[in-house]
Amino acid sequence: MADGQKKFPMMLMVGMIVFGLLLAGGISYFIATKIVADKAVDKKSSQRESGVFVKLGDAKDGLLINIGGASSGRYLKIGLIVELRPDKKATTVAATGKMPSPEEIKLADTAVYVLRSLKIEDFDPLKQEQLKELLKNEINKSFGDDRVYDVYITNFVLQ
């Protein structure tokens, strides 16, 4: 009888140790596959090659646009910088330095077109992120691929 009583606690102890090891192994597997793998993917996506920055419009003032139609008398002075994915085929700096490159002309044309098509309400400070996203999407459409990393607004005056 004494032998039977010793086996029960001994079997209970062995069972608890095996259960604990299985539980620890399962938790370790979960951490390794889910949490660490997600962090590795985030680092890869956040580490991209640095883009080419292109300032749109005048070097000092940026773009000056009549918005809301010809009779509205409302003007927008906005400084835009577009970060583009480097393209080995295209050159962003013109050879003479005086004339903007075709890429810069296409960027400015698309930005002016988008900004002039918007209503006054679309320039609300709370909608600035939507404005940047709209510009990014339209510029990407005009280039035919996802060349734009981000759009930065450096100054913004609505009169």
C-alpha atoms as a PDB file:
ATOM      1  CA  MET A   1       0.000   0.000   0.000  1.00  0.00           C
ATOM      2  CA  ALA A   2       2.854   2.360   0.776  1.00  0.00           C
ATOM      3  CA  ASP A   3       4.322   1.655  -2.648  1.00  0.00           C
ATOM      4  CA  GLY A   4       1.016   2.591  -4.361  1.00  0.00           C
ATOM      5  CA  GLN A   5       0.761   5.857  -2.449  1.00  0.00           C
ATOM      6  CA  LYS A   6       4.322   6.887  -3.495  1.00  0.00           C
ATOM      7  CA  LYS A   7       3.652   6.092  -7.156  1.00  0.00           C
ATOM      8  CA  PHE A   8       0.598   8.371  -7.315  1.00  0.00           C
ATOM      9  CA  PRO A   9       2.408  11.584  -6.220  1.00  0.00           C
ATOM     10  CA  MET A  10       5.431  10.615  -8.314  1.00  0.00           C
ATOM     11  CA  MET A  11       3.237  10.117 -11.410  1.00  0.00           C
ATOM     12  CA  LEU A  12       1.469  13.419 -10.625  1.00  0.00           C
ATOM     13  CA  MET A  13       4.826  15.229 -10.422  1.00  0.00           C
ATOM     14  CA  VAL A  14       6.043  13.699 -13.702  1.00  0.00           C
ATOM     15  CA  GLY A  15       2.754  14.586 -15.383  1.00  0.00           C
ATOM     16  CA  MET A  16       2.961  18.197 -14.178  1.00  0.00           C
ATOM     17  CA  ILE A  17       6.550  18.509 -15.399  1.00  0.00           C
ATOM     18  CA  VAL A  18       5.647  17.116 -18.839  1.00  0.00           C
ATOM     19  CA  PHE A  19       2.612  19.421 -19.036  1.00  0.00           C
ATOM     20  CA  GLY A  20       4.754  22.429 -18.044  1.00  0.00           C
ATOM     21  CA  LEU A  21       7.358  21.599 -20.687  1.00  0.00           C
ATOM     22  CA  LEU A  22       4.677  21.241 -23.365  1.00  0.00           C
ATOM     23  CA  LEU A  23       3.085  24.539 -22.319  1.00  0.00           C
ATOM     24  CA  ALA A  24       6.453  26.343 -22.346  1.00  0.00           C
ATOM     25  CA  GLY A  25       7.250  24.882 -25.760  1.00  0.00           C
ATOM     26  CA  GLY A  26       3.893  25.982 -27.153  1.00  0.00           C
ATOM     27  CA  ILE A  27       4.305  29.514 -25.849  1.00  0.00           C
ATOM     28  CA  SER A  28       7.837  29.704 -27.256  1.00  0.00           C
ATOM     29  CA  TYR A  29       6.636  28.482 -30.638  1.00  0.00           C
ATOM     30  CA  PHE A  30       3.852  31.082 -30.674  1.00  0.00           C
ATOM     31  CA  ILE A  31       6.244  33.907 -29.793  1.00  0.00           C
ATOM     32  CA  ALA A  32       8.777  32.809 -32.386  1.00  0.00           C
ATOM     33  CA  THR A  33       6.295  32.467 -35.238  1.00  0.00           C
ATOM     34  CA  LYS A  34       3.885  35.333 -34.618  1.00  0.00           C
ATOM     35  CA  ILE A  35       5.546  38.167 -32.751  1.00  0.00           C
ATOM     36  CA  VAL A  36       9.158  37.918 -33.925  1.00  0.00           C
ATOM     37  CA  ALA A  37       8.166  37.173 -37.519  1.00  0.00           C
ATOM     38  CA  ASP A  38       5.816  40.189 -37.602  1.00  0.00           C
ATOM     39  CA  LYS A  39       8.575  42.483 -36.343  1.00  0.00           C
ATOM     40  CA  ALA A  40      10.960  41.179 -39.006  1.00  0.00           C
ATOM     41  CA  VAL A  41       8.406  41.904 -41.746  1.00  0.00           C
ATOM     42  CA  ASP A  42       7.790  45.420 -40.366  1.00  0.00           C
ATOM     43  CA  LYS A  43      11.504  46.204 -40.403  1.00  0.00           C
ATOM     44  CA  LYS A  44      11.832  45.038 -44.000  1.00  0.00           C
ATOM     45  CA  SER A  45       8.877  47.126 -45.158  1.00  0.00           C
ATOM     46  CA  SER A  46      10.047  50.217 -43.279  1.00  0.00           C
ATOM     47  CA  GLN A  47      13.577  49.917 -44.683  1.00  0.00           C
ATOM     48  CA  ARG A  48      13.232  51.036 -48.263  1.00  0.00           C
ATOM     49  CA  GLU A  49      15.743  52.738 -50.411  1.00  0.00           C
ATOM     50  CA  SER A  50      15.734  56.496 -49.995  1.00  0.00           C
ATOM     51  CA  GLY A  51      13.716  58.313 -52.581  1.00  0.00           C
ATOM     52  CA  VAL A  52      14.406  61.253 -54.830  1.00  0.00           C
ATOM     53  CA  PHE A  53      12.865  64.485 -53.530  1.00  0.00           C
ATOM     54  CA  VAL A  54      11.327  66.802 -56.115  1.00  0.00           C
ATOM     55  CA  LYS A  55      10.051  70.268 -55.154  1.00  0.00           C
ATOM     56  CA  LEU A  56       7.106  71.358 -57.246  1.00  0.00           C
ATOM     57  CA  GLY A  57       6.695  74.893 -58.522  1.00  0.00           C
ATOM     58  CA  ASP A  58       8.867  77.900 -57.788  1.00  0.00           C
ATOM     59  CA  ALA A  59      11.932  77.221 -55.644  1.00  0.00           C
ATOM     60  CA  LYS A  60      10.909  79.842 -53.067  1.00  0.00           C
ATOM     61  CA  ASP A  61       7.115  80.014 -53.226  1.00  0.00           C
ATOM     62  CA  GLY A  62       6.004  76.621 -54.507  1.00  0.00           C
ATOM     63  CA  LEU A  63       2.738  76.590 -56.445  1.00  0.00           C
ATOM     64  CA  LEU A  64       0.280  79.496 -56.655  1.00  0.00           C
ATOM     65  CA  ILE A  65      -3.135  78.294 -57.811  1.00  0.00           C
ATOM     66  CA  ASN A  66      -6.511  79.948 -58.366  1.00  0.00           C
ATOM     67  CA  ILE A  67      -9.035  77.577 -56.796  1.00  0.00           C
ATOM     68  CA  GLY A  68     -12.809  77.509 -56.838  1.00  0.00           C
ATOM     69  CA  GLY A  69     -13.165  78.797 -60.387  1.00  0.00           C
ATOM     70  CA  ALA A  70     -12.057  81.972 -62.152  1.00  0.00           C
ATOM     71  CA  SER A  71     -14.654  84.189 -60.470  1.00  0.00           C
ATOM     72  CA  SER A  72     -14.019  82.982 -56.909  1.00  0.00           C
ATOM     73  CA  GLY A  73     -10.942  85.100 -56.212  1.00  0.00           C
ATOM     74  CA  ARG A  74      -9.537  82.395 -53.913  1.00  0.00           C
ATOM     75  CA  TYR A  75      -5.872  81.503 -54.148  1.00  0.00           C
ATOM     76  CA  LEU A  76      -3.803  78.700 -52.725  1.00  0.00           C
ATOM     77  CA  LYS A  77      -0.083  79.010 -52.180  1.00  0.00           C
ATOM     78  CA  ILE A  78       1.273  75.562 -51.445  1.00  0.00           C
ATOM     79  CA  GLY A  79       4.742  74.103 -51.197  1.00  0.00           C
ATOM     80  CA  LEU A  80       4.842  70.465 -52.255  1.00  0.00           C
ATOM     81  CA  ILE A  81       7.735  68.057 -52.154  1.00  0.00           C
ATOM     82  CA  VAL A  82       7.214  64.634 -53.700  1.00  0.00           C
ATOM     83  CA  GLU A  83       9.408  61.681 -52.725  1.00  0.00           C
ATOM     84  CA  LEU A  84       9.790  59.387 -55.708  1.00  0.00           C
ATOM     85  CA  ARG A  85      11.193  55.900 -55.960  1.00  0.00           C
ATOM     86  CA  PRO A  86      14.535  56.171 -57.746  1.00  0.00           C
ATOM     87  CA  ASP A  87      14.217  55.231 -61.391  1.00  0.00           C
ATOM     88  CA  LYS A  88      17.370  54.206 -63.208  1.00  0.00           C
ATOM     89  CA  LYS A  89      15.915  55.100 -66.615  1.00  0.00           C
ATOM     90  CA  ALA A  90      14.534  58.559 -65.811  1.00  0.00           C
ATOM     91  CA  THR A  91      16.544  61.578 -64.798  1.00  0.00           C
ATOM     92  CA  THR A  92      15.077  64.094 -62.408  1.00  0.00           C
ATOM     93  CA  VAL A  93      17.711  66.780 -62.887  1.00  0.00           C
ATOM     94  CA  ALA A  94      17.668  68.628 -66.166  1.00  0.00           C
ATOM     95  CA  ALA A  95      20.916  68.953 -68.088  1.00  0.00           C
ATOM     96  CA  THR A  96      20.857  72.757 -68.277  1.00  0.00           C
ATOM     97  CA  GLY A  97      19.624  73.370 -64.759  1.00  0.00           C
ATOM     98  CA  LYS A  98      17.218  76.095 -65.984  1.00  0.00           C
ATOM     99  CA  MET A  99      14.529  73.978 -67.566  1.00  0.00           C
ATOM    100  CA  PRO A 100      12.701  71.450 -65.354  1.00  0.00           C
ATOM    101  CA  SER A 101      12.910  67.828 -66.367  1.00  0.00           C
ATOM    102  CA  PRO A 102       9.946  66.136 -68.095  1.00  0.00           C
ATOM    103  CA  GLU A 103       9.321  64.220 -64.885  1.00  0.00           C
ATOM    104  CA  GLU A 104       9.056  67.458 -62.869  1.00  0.00           C
ATOM    105  CA  ILE A 105       6.731  68.972 -65.462  1.00  0.00           C
ATOM    106  CA  LYS A 106       4.452  65.934 -65.317  1.00  0.00           C
ATOM    107  CA  LEU A 107       4.451  66.057 -61.499  1.00  0.00           C
ATOM    108  CA  ALA A 108       3.562  69.755 -61.414  1.00  0.00           C
ATOM    109  CA  ASP A 109       0.867  69.375 -64.063  1.00  0.00           C
ATOM    110  CA  THR A 110      -0.821  66.554 -62.173  1.00  0.00           C
ATOM    111  CA  ALA A 111      -0.615  68.404 -58.842  1.00  0.00           C
ATOM    112  CA  VAL A 112      -2.085  71.610 -60.305  1.00  0.00           C
ATOM    113  CA  TYR A 113      -4.856  69.653 -62.030  1.00  0.00           C
ATOM    114  CA  VAL A 114      -5.810  67.864 -58.803  1.00  0.00           C
ATOM    115  CA  LEU A 115      -5.653  70.990 -56.642  1.00  0.00           C
ATOM    116  CA  ARG A 116      -7.719  73.076 -59.070  1.00  0.00           C
ATOM    117  CA  SER A 117     -10.404  70.375 -59.256  1.00  0.00           C
ATOM    118  CA  LEU A 118     -10.998  70.437 -55.482  1.00  0.00           C
ATOM    119  CA  LYS A 119     -13.558  72.544 -53.617  1.00  0.00           C
ATOM    120  CA  ILE A 120     -12.726  75.015 -50.861  1.00  0.00           C
ATOM    121  CA  GLU A 121     -14.011  72.555 -48.232  1.00  0.00           C
ATOM    122  CA  ASP A 122     -11.400  70.004 -49.325  1.00  0.00           C
ATOM    123  CA  PHE A 123      -8.597  72.252 -48.058  1.00  0.00           C
ATOM    124  CA  ASP A 124      -9.695  71.979 -44.429  1.00  0.00           C
ATOM    125  CA  PRO A 125      -6.714  71.369 -42.101  1.00  0.00           C
ATOM    126  CA  LEU A 126      -8.375  68.184 -40.843  1.00  0.00           C
ATOM    127  CA  LYS A 127      -8.364  66.811 -44.390  1.00  0.00           C
ATOM    128  CA  GLN A 128      -4.653  67.374 -45.027  1.00  0.00           C
ATOM    129  CA  GLU A 129      -3.798  63.667 -44.925  1.00  0.00           C
ATOM    130  CA  GLN A 130      -6.585  62.938 -47.419  1.00  0.00           C
ATOM    131  CA  LEU A 131      -5.229  65.685 -49.684  1.00  0.00           C
ATOM    132  CA  LYS A 132      -1.740  64.187 -49.558  1.00  0.00           C
ATOM    133  CA  GLU A 133      -3.111  60.704 -50.286  1.00  0.00           C
ATOM    134  CA  LEU A 134      -5.181  62.041 -53.206  1.00  0.00           C
ATOM    135  CA  LEU A 135      -2.119  63.756 -54.691  1.00  0.00           C
ATOM    136  CA  LYS A 136      -0.052  60.592 -54.227  1.00  0.00           C
ATOM    137  CA  ASN A 137      -2.663  58.400 -55.933  1.00  0.00           C
ATOM    138  CA  GLU A 138      -3.180  60.774 -58.868  1.00  0.00           C
ATOM    139  CA  ILE A 139       0.556  61.193 -59.466  1.00  0.00           C
ATOM    140  CA  ASN A 140       0.968  57.410 -59.379  1.00  0.00           C
ATOM    141  CA  LYS A 141      -1.815  57.136 -61.975  1.00  0.00           C
ATOM    142  CA  SER A 142      -0.092  59.645 -64.246  1.00  0.00           C
ATOM    143  CA  PHE A 143       3.224  57.768 -64.047  1.00  0.00           C
ATOM    144  CA  GLY A 144       1.530  54.402 -64.473  1.00  0.00           C
ATOM    145  CA  ASP A 145       3.131  52.721 -61.444  1.00  0.00           C
ATOM    146  CA  ASP A 146       3.746  53.231 -57.721  1.00  0.00           C
ATOM    147  CA  ARG A 147       6.623  55.683 -58.017  1.00  0.00           C
ATOM    148  CA  VAL A 148       5.547  58.042 -55.221  1.00  0.00           C
ATOM    149  CA  TYR A 149       6.621  57.143 -51.700  1.00  0.00           C
ATOM    150  CA  ASP A 150       5.109  60.200 -50.045  1.00  0.00           C
ATOM    151  CA  VAL A 151       3.907  63.768 -50.575  1.00  0.00           C
ATOM    152  CA  TYR A 152       5.041  66.473 -48.168  1.00  0.00           C
ATOM    153  CA  ILE A 153       3.325  69.842 -47.732  1.00  0.00           C
ATOM    154  CA  THR A 154       5.922  72.414 -46.689  1.00  0.00           C
ATOM    155  CA  ASN A 155       3.723  75.528 -46.706  1.00  0.00           C
ATOM    156  CA  PHE A 156       0.045  76.139 -47.121  1.00  0.00           C
ATOM    157  CA  VAL A 157      -1.695  79.500 -47.461  1.00  0.00           C
ATOM    158  CA  LEU A 158      -5.327  79.780 -48.533  1.00  0.00           C
ATOM    159  CA  GLN A 159      -6.597  83.290 -49.274  1.00  0.00           C
END
